[in-house]
Amino acid sequence: MGLIIYLNDKFVPEEEAKISVFDHGLLYGDGVFEGLRSYNGKIFKLDEHLIRLYKSGKAIALEIPLKFEELKKAVIETVKRNNLKDSYIRIVVTRGIGDLGLDPRKCKHPTIFIIASHIQLYPDSLYEKGIDLITVPTRRNLNEAVNPAIKSLNYLNNILAKIEATNVGATEGLILNQYGYVSECTGENIFIVKNNSLITPPISAGALEGITRKVVIDIGVNIGLQIKEENLTRYDIYTSDECFLTGTAAEIVPVVKVDGRIIGDGKPGKITLKIRKEFQIITELEGVPIYE
């Protein structure tokens, strides 16, 4: 039995979940999205993800066709109809059907759909052993262009970086901004540990304001680490004590090698593992109940 998809106020089987070839989300990447998770029958940080979705919509002058509470109920109901306790949820809002021109005014009604399924970006072995990064040639979008804070459907910047990393056999790609500072990876924020400090690039460096990023910062405070948001160079990454990535889909991923340089002792660090354990505890306890 296939998935049940929320599509424009209806719940339909996945084989019937279709959008027009004239939808500007398809034609131009004109739209926004969010990815979130449920754990143990509860949706984690649902409000925070929806707030970011509405911010992304506002940034591109796209009015999301559901009010906050309506969208919240639609997300919960989508997970419920698929009988999932642990899931990955994707919310997509496009500009809607228009013509072959760019003018968004021709798109009268936004398209919205919600998918609840599963995702595993990396095998379990990589969480135990750690992953390797390579710095990719593609640079992060300028903040004055398509600001990276917007989770838009035009993800080519990230996809090109992923291709470049894959082409040289690396697990993930490290993306720099136009000034040579570290932004993030192709789908995750990046952190380093140095002298009992937890350091991550500021949003102004081209990093997404990640929901998991914020949770990790809070964990860092609670376990006594000094938190810093500052511009990082590759030198800072190479010489760090520990390094890890964060993201909704990836969760907490240890990094043990960057551009051929071994990070720390080449194994997932103690603080990284501590943060990962604390994160797992939080996700099991917190969240919006799906089944009540």
C-alpha atoms as a PDB file:
ATOM      1  CA  MET A   1       0.000   0.000   0.000  1.00  0.00           C
ATOM      2  CA  GLY A   2       1.365   3.388  -1.007  1.00  0.00           C
ATOM      3  CA  LEU A   3       1.558   6.646   0.885  1.00  0.00           C
ATOM      4  CA  ILE A   4      -1.287   9.072   1.476  1.00  0.00           C
ATOM      5  CA  ILE A   5      -0.336  12.589   0.368  1.00  0.00           C
ATOM      6  CA  TYR A   6      -1.880  15.887   1.395  1.00  0.00           C
ATOM      7  CA  LEU A   7      -2.457  17.920  -1.791  1.00  0.00           C
ATOM      8  CA  ASN A   8      -4.391  21.184  -1.861  1.00  0.00           C
ATOM      9  CA  ASP A   9      -6.871  20.418   0.952  1.00  0.00           C
ATOM     10  CA  LYS A  10      -7.290  16.761  -0.010  1.00  0.00           C
ATOM     11  CA  PHE A  11      -5.692  13.487   1.016  1.00  0.00           C
ATOM     12  CA  VAL A  12      -4.937  11.337  -2.008  1.00  0.00           C
ATOM     13  CA  PRO A  13      -3.027   8.109  -2.768  1.00  0.00           C
ATOM     14  CA  GLU A  14       0.530   8.814  -3.900  1.00  0.00           C
ATOM     15  CA  GLU A  15      -0.222   7.639  -7.458  1.00  0.00           C
ATOM     16  CA  GLU A  16      -2.863  10.376  -7.690  1.00  0.00           C
ATOM     17  CA  ALA A  17      -0.680  13.093  -6.159  1.00  0.00           C
ATOM     18  CA  LYS A  18       0.113  15.074  -9.305  1.00  0.00           C
ATOM     19  CA  ILE A  19       0.747  18.724 -10.102  1.00  0.00           C
ATOM     20  CA  SER A  20       0.534  20.590 -13.396  1.00  0.00           C
ATOM     21  CA  VAL A  21       3.501  20.914 -15.758  1.00  0.00           C
ATOM     22  CA  PHE A  22       2.654  24.636 -15.669  1.00  0.00           C
ATOM     23  CA  ASP A  23       3.277  24.863 -11.927  1.00  0.00           C
ATOM     24  CA  HIS A  24       5.998  27.445 -11.340  1.00  0.00           C
ATOM     25  CA  GLY A  25       7.541  25.288  -8.637  1.00  0.00           C
ATOM     26  CA  LEU A  26       8.469  22.880 -11.438  1.00  0.00           C
ATOM     27  CA  LEU A  27       9.138  25.427 -14.174  1.00  0.00           C
ATOM     28  CA  TYR A  28      11.237  27.846 -12.123  1.00  0.00           C
ATOM     29  CA  GLY A  29      11.868  26.423  -8.662  1.00  0.00           C
ATOM     30  CA  ASP A  30       9.497  29.131  -7.417  1.00  0.00           C
ATOM     31  CA  GLY A  31       8.445  27.960  -3.989  1.00  0.00           C
ATOM     32  CA  VAL A  32       9.580  27.041  -0.490  1.00  0.00           C
ATOM     33  CA  PHE A  33       9.781  23.884   1.587  1.00  0.00           C
ATOM     34  CA  GLU A  34      10.500  22.415   5.004  1.00  0.00           C
ATOM     35  CA  GLY A  35      11.705  19.017   6.162  1.00  0.00           C
ATOM     36  CA  LEU A  36      10.904  17.815   9.661  1.00  0.00           C
ATOM     37  CA  ARG A  37      10.745  14.592  11.637  1.00  0.00           C
ATOM     38  CA  SER A  38       8.549  12.678  13.991  1.00  0.00           C
ATOM     39  CA  TYR A  39       9.995  10.493  16.727  1.00  0.00           C
ATOM     40  CA  ASN A  40       8.113   8.005  18.846  1.00  0.00           C
ATOM     41  CA  GLY A  41       4.717   9.329  17.748  1.00  0.00           C
ATOM     42  CA  LYS A  42       5.568  13.040  18.230  1.00  0.00           C
ATOM     43  CA  ILE A  43       6.527  15.648  15.632  1.00  0.00           C
ATOM     44  CA  PHE A  44       9.744  17.335  16.683  1.00  0.00           C
ATOM     45  CA  LYS A  45       9.932  21.149  16.612  1.00  0.00           C
ATOM     46  CA  LEU A  46       6.812  21.429  14.469  1.00  0.00           C
ATOM     47  CA  ASP A  47       6.098  25.066  15.333  1.00  0.00           C
ATOM     48  CA  GLU A  48       9.710  26.088  14.693  1.00  0.00           C
ATOM     49  CA  HIS A  49       9.703  24.487  11.240  1.00  0.00           C
ATOM     50  CA  LEU A  50       6.402  26.098  10.317  1.00  0.00           C
ATOM     51  CA  ILE A  51       7.607  29.503  11.479  1.00  0.00           C
ATOM     52  CA  ARG A  52      10.650  29.152   9.221  1.00  0.00           C
ATOM     53  CA  LEU A  53       8.417  28.056   6.317  1.00  0.00           C
ATOM     54  CA  TYR A  54       6.255  31.168   6.670  1.00  0.00           C
ATOM     55  CA  LYS A  55       9.400  33.320   6.862  1.00  0.00           C
ATOM     56  CA  SER A  56      10.702  31.757   3.640  1.00  0.00           C
ATOM     57  CA  GLY A  57       7.347  32.384   1.992  1.00  0.00           C
ATOM     58  CA  LYS A  58       7.322  36.012   3.086  1.00  0.00           C
ATOM     59  CA  ALA A  59      10.868  36.506   1.799  1.00  0.00           C
ATOM     60  CA  ILE A  60       9.814  35.521  -1.741  1.00  0.00           C
ATOM     61  CA  ALA A  61       6.395  37.241  -1.504  1.00  0.00           C
ATOM     62  CA  LEU A  62       4.558  33.907  -1.537  1.00  0.00           C
ATOM     63  CA  GLU A  63       1.463  33.751   0.644  1.00  0.00           C
ATOM     64  CA  ILE A  64       1.039  30.270   2.077  1.00  0.00           C
ATOM     65  CA  PRO A  65      -2.589  29.255   1.449  1.00  0.00           C
ATOM     66  CA  LEU A  66      -3.210  27.883   4.955  1.00  0.00           C
ATOM     67  CA  LYS A  67      -3.169  29.639   8.281  1.00  0.00           C
ATOM     68  CA  PHE A  68      -0.588  28.462  10.801  1.00  0.00           C
ATOM     69  CA  GLU A  69      -2.936  26.241  12.833  1.00  0.00           C
ATOM     70  CA  GLU A  70      -4.539  24.829   9.684  1.00  0.00           C
ATOM     71  CA  LEU A  71      -1.165  23.816   8.285  1.00  0.00           C
ATOM     72  CA  LYS A  72      -0.168  22.368  11.634  1.00  0.00           C
ATOM     73  CA  LYS A  73      -3.277  20.163  11.657  1.00  0.00           C
ATOM     74  CA  ALA A  74      -2.638  19.115   8.044  1.00  0.00           C
ATOM     75  CA  VAL A  75       0.903  17.985   8.909  1.00  0.00           C
ATOM     76  CA  ILE A  76      -0.281  15.966  11.901  1.00  0.00           C
ATOM     77  CA  GLU A  77      -3.111  14.393   9.904  1.00  0.00           C
ATOM     78  CA  THR A  78      -0.756  13.431   7.056  1.00  0.00           C
ATOM     79  CA  VAL A  79       1.503  11.523   9.429  1.00  0.00           C
ATOM     80  CA  LYS A  80      -1.507   9.944  11.131  1.00  0.00           C
ATOM     81  CA  ARG A  81      -3.055   8.761   7.851  1.00  0.00           C
ATOM     82  CA  ASN A  82       0.201   7.012   6.987  1.00  0.00           C
ATOM     83  CA  ASN A  83       0.235   5.308  10.401  1.00  0.00           C
ATOM     84  CA  LEU A  84       3.784   6.485  11.146  1.00  0.00           C
ATOM     85  CA  LYS A  85       5.491   7.011  14.477  1.00  0.00           C
ATOM     86  CA  ASP A  86       9.017   7.707  13.212  1.00  0.00           C
ATOM     87  CA  SER A  87       8.975   9.614   9.945  1.00  0.00           C
ATOM     88  CA  TYR A  88      10.436  12.298   7.733  1.00  0.00           C
ATOM     89  CA  ILE A  89       7.931  14.945   6.653  1.00  0.00           C
ATOM     90  CA  ARG A  90       8.255  17.262   3.674  1.00  0.00           C
ATOM     91  CA  ILE A  91       6.067  20.352   3.272  1.00  0.00           C
ATOM     92  CA  VAL A  92       6.201  22.044  -0.137  1.00  0.00           C
ATOM     93  CA  VAL A  93       4.500  25.274  -1.195  1.00  0.00           C
ATOM     94  CA  THR A  94       4.835  26.416  -4.805  1.00  0.00           C
ATOM     95  CA  ARG A  95       3.737  29.591  -6.548  1.00  0.00           C
ATOM     96  CA  GLY A  96       1.131  27.484  -8.329  1.00  0.00           C
ATOM     97  CA  ILE A  97      -0.051  27.097 -11.907  1.00  0.00           C
ATOM     98  CA  GLY A  98       0.817  29.934 -14.287  1.00  0.00           C
ATOM     99  CA  ASP A  99       1.970  30.312 -17.864  1.00  0.00           C
ATOM    100  CA  LEU A 100       5.420  29.913 -19.405  1.00  0.00           C
ATOM    101  CA  GLY A 101       6.430  33.418 -18.380  1.00  0.00           C
ATOM    102  CA  LEU A 102       8.104  34.451 -15.143  1.00  0.00           C
ATOM    103  CA  ASP A 103       5.383  36.762 -13.853  1.00  0.00           C
ATOM    104  CA  PRO A 104       4.195  35.331 -10.499  1.00  0.00           C
ATOM    105  CA  ARG A 105       0.993  37.373 -10.783  1.00  0.00           C
ATOM    106  CA  LYS A 106      -0.170  34.827 -13.359  1.00  0.00           C
ATOM    107  CA  CYS A 107      -0.159  32.179 -10.610  1.00  0.00           C
ATOM    108  CA  LYS A 108      -3.498  32.671  -8.879  1.00  0.00           C
ATOM    109  CA  HIS A 109      -3.427  29.818  -6.360  1.00  0.00           C
ATOM    110  CA  PRO A 110      -0.337  28.391  -4.621  1.00  0.00           C
ATOM    111  CA  THR A 111       0.096  24.618  -4.604  1.00  0.00           C
ATOM    112  CA  ILE A 112       0.745  22.913  -1.277  1.00  0.00           C
ATOM    113  CA  PHE A 113       1.529  19.286  -0.578  1.00  0.00           C
ATOM    114  CA  ILE A 114       2.789  17.287   2.394  1.00  0.00           C
ATOM    115  CA  ILE A 115       4.596  13.945   2.269  1.00  0.00           C
ATOM    116  CA  ALA A 116       5.214  11.750   5.311  1.00  0.00           C
ATOM    117  CA  SER A 117       7.617   8.882   4.727  1.00  0.00           C
ATOM    118  CA  HIS A 118      11.107   7.764   5.811  1.00  0.00           C
ATOM    119  CA  ILE A 119      14.637   8.968   5.139  1.00  0.00           C
ATOM    120  CA  GLN A 120      18.164   7.810   5.938  1.00  0.00           C
ATOM    121  CA  LEU A 121      20.910  10.004   4.515  1.00  0.00           C
ATOM    122  CA  TYR A 122      23.814   7.945   5.817  1.00  0.00           C
ATOM    123  CA  PRO A 123      24.226   4.301   6.861  1.00  0.00           C
ATOM    124  CA  ASP A 124      24.535   3.570  10.574  1.00  0.00           C
ATOM    125  CA  SER A 125      28.230   2.724  10.136  1.00  0.00           C
ATOM    126  CA  LEU A 126      29.073   6.340   9.243  1.00  0.00           C
ATOM    127  CA  TYR A 127      27.528   7.620  12.462  1.00  0.00           C
ATOM    128  CA  GLU A 128      29.841   5.235  14.314  1.00  0.00           C
ATOM    129  CA  LYS A 129      33.002   5.840  12.254  1.00  0.00           C
ATOM    130  CA  GLY A 130      32.467   9.422  11.064  1.00  0.00           C
ATOM    131  CA  ILE A 131      32.403  10.895   7.578  1.00  0.00           C
ATOM    132  CA  ASP A 132      34.838  12.772   5.354  1.00  0.00           C
ATOM    133  CA  LEU A 133      34.347  16.188   3.735  1.00  0.00           C
ATOM    134  CA  ILE A 134      35.885  17.840   0.714  1.00  0.00           C
ATOM    135  CA  THR A 135      35.778  21.570  -0.006  1.00  0.00           C
ATOM    136  CA  VAL A 136      33.842  22.019  -3.249  1.00  0.00           C
ATOM    137  CA  PRO A 137      34.452  24.664  -5.964  1.00  0.00           C
ATOM    138  CA  THR A 138      30.846  25.886  -5.977  1.00  0.00           C
ATOM    139  CA  ARG A 139      30.406  28.840  -3.623  1.00  0.00           C
ATOM    140  CA  ARG A 140      27.380  29.666  -1.510  1.00  0.00           C
ATOM    141  CA  ASN A 141      24.813  32.008  -3.029  1.00  0.00           C
ATOM    142  CA  LEU A 142      25.355  35.645  -2.180  1.00  0.00           C
ATOM    143  CA  ASN A 143      23.072  36.955   0.547  1.00  0.00           C
ATOM    144  CA  GLU A 144      22.115  39.679  -1.944  1.00  0.00           C
ATOM    145  CA  ALA A 145      21.037  37.032  -4.492  1.00  0.00           C
ATOM    146  CA  VAL A 146      18.853  34.094  -3.404  1.00  0.00           C
ATOM    147  CA  ASN A 147      19.561  34.412   0.294  1.00  0.00           C
ATOM    148  CA  PRO A 148      20.574  31.012   1.729  1.00  0.00           C
ATOM    149  CA  ALA A 149      18.285  31.670   4.708  1.00  0.00           C
ATOM    150  CA  ILE A 150      15.371  30.995   2.347  1.00  0.00           C
ATOM    151  CA  LYS A 151      14.564  27.284   1.953  1.00  0.00           C
ATOM    152  CA  SER A 152      13.542  27.688  -1.655  1.00  0.00           C
ATOM    153  CA  LEU A 153      12.770  24.979  -4.190  1.00  0.00           C
ATOM    154  CA  ASN A 154      15.732  26.173  -6.246  1.00  0.00           C
ATOM    155  CA  TYR A 155      18.366  23.980  -4.613  1.00  0.00           C
ATOM    156  CA  LEU A 156      20.818  23.874  -7.498  1.00  0.00           C
ATOM    157  CA  ASN A 157      23.549  25.542  -5.451  1.00  0.00           C
ATOM    158  CA  ASN A 158      23.433  22.651  -2.997  1.00  0.00           C
ATOM    159  CA  ILE A 159      22.985  19.996  -5.668  1.00  0.00           C
ATOM    160  CA  LEU A 160      26.011  21.166  -7.664  1.00  0.00           C
ATOM    161  CA  ALA A 161      28.080  21.062  -4.468  1.00  0.00           C
ATOM    162  CA  LYS A 162      26.826  17.525  -3.772  1.00  0.00           C
ATOM    163  CA  ILE A 163      27.771  16.423  -7.287  1.00  0.00           C
ATOM    164  CA  GLU A 164      31.273  17.835  -6.859  1.00  0.00           C
ATOM    165  CA  ALA A 165      31.753  16.011  -3.560  1.00  0.00           C
ATOM    166  CA  THR A 166      30.419  12.755  -4.991  1.00  0.00           C
ATOM    167  CA  ASN A 167      32.634  13.014  -8.076  1.00  0.00           C
ATOM    168  CA  VAL A 168      35.764  12.817  -5.927  1.00  0.00           C
ATOM    169  CA  GLY A 169      34.428  10.119  -3.630  1.00  0.00           C
ATOM    170  CA  ALA A 170      33.768  12.288  -0.573  1.00  0.00           C
ATOM    171  CA  THR A 171      30.729  11.729   1.639  1.00  0.00           C
ATOM    172  CA  GLU A 172      29.845  15.412   1.872  1.00  0.00           C
ATOM    173  CA  GLY A 173      30.849  18.768   0.431  1.00  0.00           C
ATOM    174  CA  LEU A 174      32.021  21.780   2.436  1.00  0.00           C
ATOM    175  CA  ILE A 175      30.766  25.051   0.919  1.00  0.00           C
ATOM    176  CA  LEU A 176      32.560  28.390   1.300  1.00  0.00           C
ATOM    177  CA  ASN A 177      31.046  31.821   0.745  1.00  0.00           C
ATOM    178  CA  GLN A 178      32.374  34.516  -1.588  1.00  0.00           C
ATOM    179  CA  TYR A 179      34.887  35.635   1.040  1.00  0.00           C
ATOM    180  CA  GLY A 180      36.337  32.179   1.577  1.00  0.00           C
ATOM    181  CA  TYR A 181      34.655  31.608   4.934  1.00  0.00           C
ATOM    182  CA  VAL A 182      32.854  28.367   5.730  1.00  0.00           C
ATOM    183  CA  SER A 183      29.079  28.484   5.197  1.00  0.00           C
ATOM    184  CA  GLU A 184      27.792  24.955   5.666  1.00  0.00           C
ATOM    185  CA  CYS A 185      27.664  21.616   3.840  1.00  0.00           C
ATOM    186  CA  THR A 186      25.281  20.616   1.064  1.00  0.00           C
ATOM    187  CA  GLY A 187      22.426  19.898   3.444  1.00  0.00           C
ATOM    188  CA  GLU A 188      23.752  20.417   6.957  1.00  0.00           C
ATOM    189  CA  ASN A 189      25.136  23.044   9.293  1.00  0.00           C
ATOM    190  CA  ILE A 190      28.688  22.532  10.539  1.00  0.00           C
ATOM    191  CA  PHE A 191      30.158  22.793  14.044  1.00  0.00           C
ATOM    192  CA  ILE A 192      33.654  22.466  15.429  1.00  0.00           C
ATOM    193  CA  VAL A 193      34.858  21.918  18.984  1.00  0.00           C
ATOM    194  CA  LYS A 194      37.993  23.799  20.038  1.00  0.00           C
ATOM    195  CA  ASN A 195      39.281  24.245  23.610  1.00  0.00           C
ATOM    196  CA  ASN A 196      35.896  23.519  25.188  1.00  0.00           C
ATOM    197  CA  SER A 197      34.156  25.938  22.817  1.00  0.00           C
ATOM    198  CA  LEU A 198      31.411  24.954  20.394  1.00  0.00           C
ATOM    199  CA  ILE A 199      31.772  27.086  17.268  1.00  0.00           C
ATOM    200  CA  THR A 200      29.557  27.384  14.199  1.00  0.00           C
ATOM    201  CA  PRO A 201      29.398  29.915  11.326  1.00  0.00           C
ATOM    202  CA  PRO A 202      26.948  32.804  11.747  1.00  0.00           C
ATOM    203  CA  ILE A 203      23.844  32.950   9.563  1.00  0.00           C
ATOM    204  CA  SER A 204      25.417  35.940   7.775  1.00  0.00           C
ATOM    205  CA  ALA A 205      28.120  33.608   6.399  1.00  0.00           C
ATOM    206  CA  GLY A 206      25.478  31.892   4.267  1.00  0.00           C
ATOM    207  CA  ALA A 207      24.427  29.240   6.754  1.00  0.00           C
ATOM    208  CA  LEU A 208      20.818  28.165   7.085  1.00  0.00           C
ATOM    209  CA  GLU A 209      19.263  28.982  10.436  1.00  0.00           C
ATOM    210  CA  GLY A 210      18.909  25.283  11.172  1.00  0.00           C
ATOM    211  CA  ILE A 211      16.384  23.958  13.673  1.00  0.00           C
ATOM    212  CA  THR A 212      18.759  21.155  14.700  1.00  0.00           C
ATOM    213  CA  ARG A 213      21.545  23.755  14.822  1.00  0.00           C
ATOM    214  CA  LYS A 214      19.581  25.663  17.484  1.00  0.00           C
ATOM    215  CA  VAL A 215      18.904  22.486  19.480  1.00  0.00           C
ATOM    216  CA  VAL A 216      22.628  21.648  19.449  1.00  0.00           C
ATOM    217  CA  ILE A 217      23.542  25.161  20.619  1.00  0.00           C
ATOM    218  CA  ASP A 218      21.127  24.738  23.530  1.00  0.00           C
ATOM    219  CA  ILE A 219      22.636  21.346  24.352  1.00  0.00           C
ATOM    220  CA  GLY A 220      26.092  22.909  24.259  1.00  0.00           C
ATOM    221  CA  VAL A 221      25.045  25.525  26.801  1.00  0.00           C
ATOM    222  CA  ASN A 222      23.519  22.873  29.065  1.00  0.00           C
ATOM    223  CA  ILE A 223      26.677  20.740  29.110  1.00  0.00           C
ATOM    224  CA  GLY A 224      28.914  23.694  29.911  1.00  0.00           C
ATOM    225  CA  LEU A 225      30.442  24.575  26.552  1.00  0.00           C
ATOM    226  CA  GLN A 226      31.205  28.130  25.476  1.00  0.00           C
ATOM    227  CA  ILE A 227      29.122  28.882  22.383  1.00  0.00           C
ATOM    228  CA  LYS A 228      30.554  30.993  19.574  1.00  0.00           C
ATOM    229  CA  GLU A 229      29.095  32.013  16.221  1.00  0.00           C
ATOM    230  CA  GLU A 230      31.986  33.307  14.174  1.00  0.00           C
ATOM    231  CA  ASN A 231      33.475  33.180  10.714  1.00  0.00           C
ATOM    232  CA  LEU A 232      35.532  30.040  10.187  1.00  0.00           C
ATOM    233  CA  THR A 233      38.236  29.322   7.623  1.00  0.00           C
ATOM    234  CA  ARG A 234      39.265  25.879   6.464  1.00  0.00           C
ATOM    235  CA  TYR A 235      42.298  26.227   8.736  1.00  0.00           C
ATOM    236  CA  ASP A 236      39.925  26.428  11.697  1.00  0.00           C
ATOM    237  CA  ILE A 237      38.236  23.223  10.573  1.00  0.00           C
ATOM    238  CA  TYR A 238      41.513  21.371   9.941  1.00  0.00           C
ATOM    239  CA  THR A 239      42.909  22.238  13.365  1.00  0.00           C
ATOM    240  CA  SER A 240      39.742  21.679  15.384  1.00  0.00           C
ATOM    241  CA  ASP A 241      39.515  19.108  18.165  1.00  0.00           C
ATOM    242  CA  GLU A 242      36.239  17.758  16.810  1.00  0.00           C
ATOM    243  CA  CYS A 243      33.870  18.438  13.934  1.00  0.00           C
ATOM    244  CA  PHE A 244      30.300  17.401  13.211  1.00  0.00           C
ATOM    245  CA  LEU A 245      27.313  18.245  11.025  1.00  0.00           C
ATOM    246  CA  THR A 246      23.707  18.862  12.012  1.00  0.00           C
ATOM    247  CA  GLY A 247      20.437  18.703  10.122  1.00  0.00           C
ATOM    248  CA  THR A 248      16.873  17.473  10.375  1.00  0.00           C
ATOM    249  CA  ALA A 249      17.471  14.548   8.028  1.00  0.00           C
ATOM    250  CA  ALA A 250      21.092  13.901   9.026  1.00  0.00           C
ATOM    251  CA  GLU A 251      20.655  14.602  12.758  1.00  0.00           C
ATOM    252  CA  ILE A 252      24.196  14.673  14.307  1.00  0.00           C
ATOM    253  CA  VAL A 253      26.972  13.314  12.052  1.00  0.00           C
ATOM    254  CA  PRO A 254      30.615  13.102  13.235  1.00  0.00           C
ATOM    255  CA  VAL A 255      33.281  14.327  10.788  1.00  0.00           C
ATOM    256  CA  VAL A 256      36.723  12.712  10.982  1.00  0.00           C
ATOM    257  CA  LYS A 257      38.475  13.979   7.847  1.00  0.00           C
ATOM    258  CA  VAL A 258      38.322  17.221   5.839  1.00  0.00           C
ATOM    259  CA  ASP A 259      40.276  17.726   2.603  1.00  0.00           C
ATOM    260  CA  GLY A 260      42.493  14.801   3.584  1.00  0.00           C
ATOM    261  CA  ARG A 261      43.303  16.251   7.024  1.00  0.00           C
ATOM    262  CA  ILE A 262      42.466  14.018   9.984  1.00  0.00           C
ATOM    263  CA  ILE A 263      40.308  15.791  12.566  1.00  0.00           C
ATOM    264  CA  GLY A 264      41.393  15.135  16.163  1.00  0.00           C
ATOM    265  CA  ASP A 265      42.356  11.489  16.531  1.00  0.00           C
ATOM    266  CA  GLY A 266      40.374  10.420  13.467  1.00  0.00           C
ATOM    267  CA  LYS A 267      37.421   9.145  15.493  1.00  0.00           C
ATOM    268  CA  PRO A 268      34.097  10.734  16.526  1.00  0.00           C
ATOM    269  CA  GLY A 269      34.919  13.036  19.452  1.00  0.00           C
ATOM    270  CA  LYS A 270      33.689  12.693  23.021  1.00  0.00           C
ATOM    271  CA  ILE A 271      31.766  15.962  22.935  1.00  0.00           C
ATOM    272  CA  THR A 272      30.211  15.089  19.572  1.00  0.00           C
ATOM    273  CA  LEU A 273      29.025  11.757  20.957  1.00  0.00           C
ATOM    274  CA  LYS A 274      27.730  13.471  24.106  1.00  0.00           C
ATOM    275  CA  ILE A 275      25.749  15.973  22.049  1.00  0.00           C
ATOM    276  CA  ARG A 276      24.384  13.191  19.832  1.00  0.00           C
ATOM    277  CA  LYS A 277      23.227  11.234  22.882  1.00  0.00           C
ATOM    278  CA  GLU A 278      21.566  14.297  24.408  1.00  0.00           C
ATOM    279  CA  PHE A 279      19.876  15.046  21.078  1.00  0.00           C
ATOM    280  CA  GLN A 280      18.439  11.531  20.916  1.00  0.00           C
ATOM    281  CA  ILE A 281      17.032  11.895  24.429  1.00  0.00           C
ATOM    282  CA  ILE A 282      15.390  15.223  23.551  1.00  0.00           C
ATOM    283  CA  THR A 283      13.790  13.887  20.359  1.00  0.00           C
ATOM    284  CA  GLU A 284      12.282  10.964  22.259  1.00  0.00           C
ATOM    285  CA  LEU A 285      10.754  13.205  24.913  1.00  0.00           C
ATOM    286  CA  GLU A 286       9.683  16.384  23.103  1.00  0.00           C
ATOM    287  CA  GLY A 287       7.263  17.013  20.282  1.00  0.00           C
ATOM    288  CA  VAL A 288       3.644  17.491  19.235  1.00  0.00           C
ATOM    289  CA  PRO A 289       1.662  14.248  19.736  1.00  0.00           C
ATOM    290  CA  ILE A 290       0.290  12.670  16.569  1.00  0.00           C
ATOM    291  CA  TYR A 291      -2.017  10.129  18.179  1.00  0.00           C
ATOM    292  CA  GLU A 292      -4.123  11.376  21.077  1.00  0.00           C
END
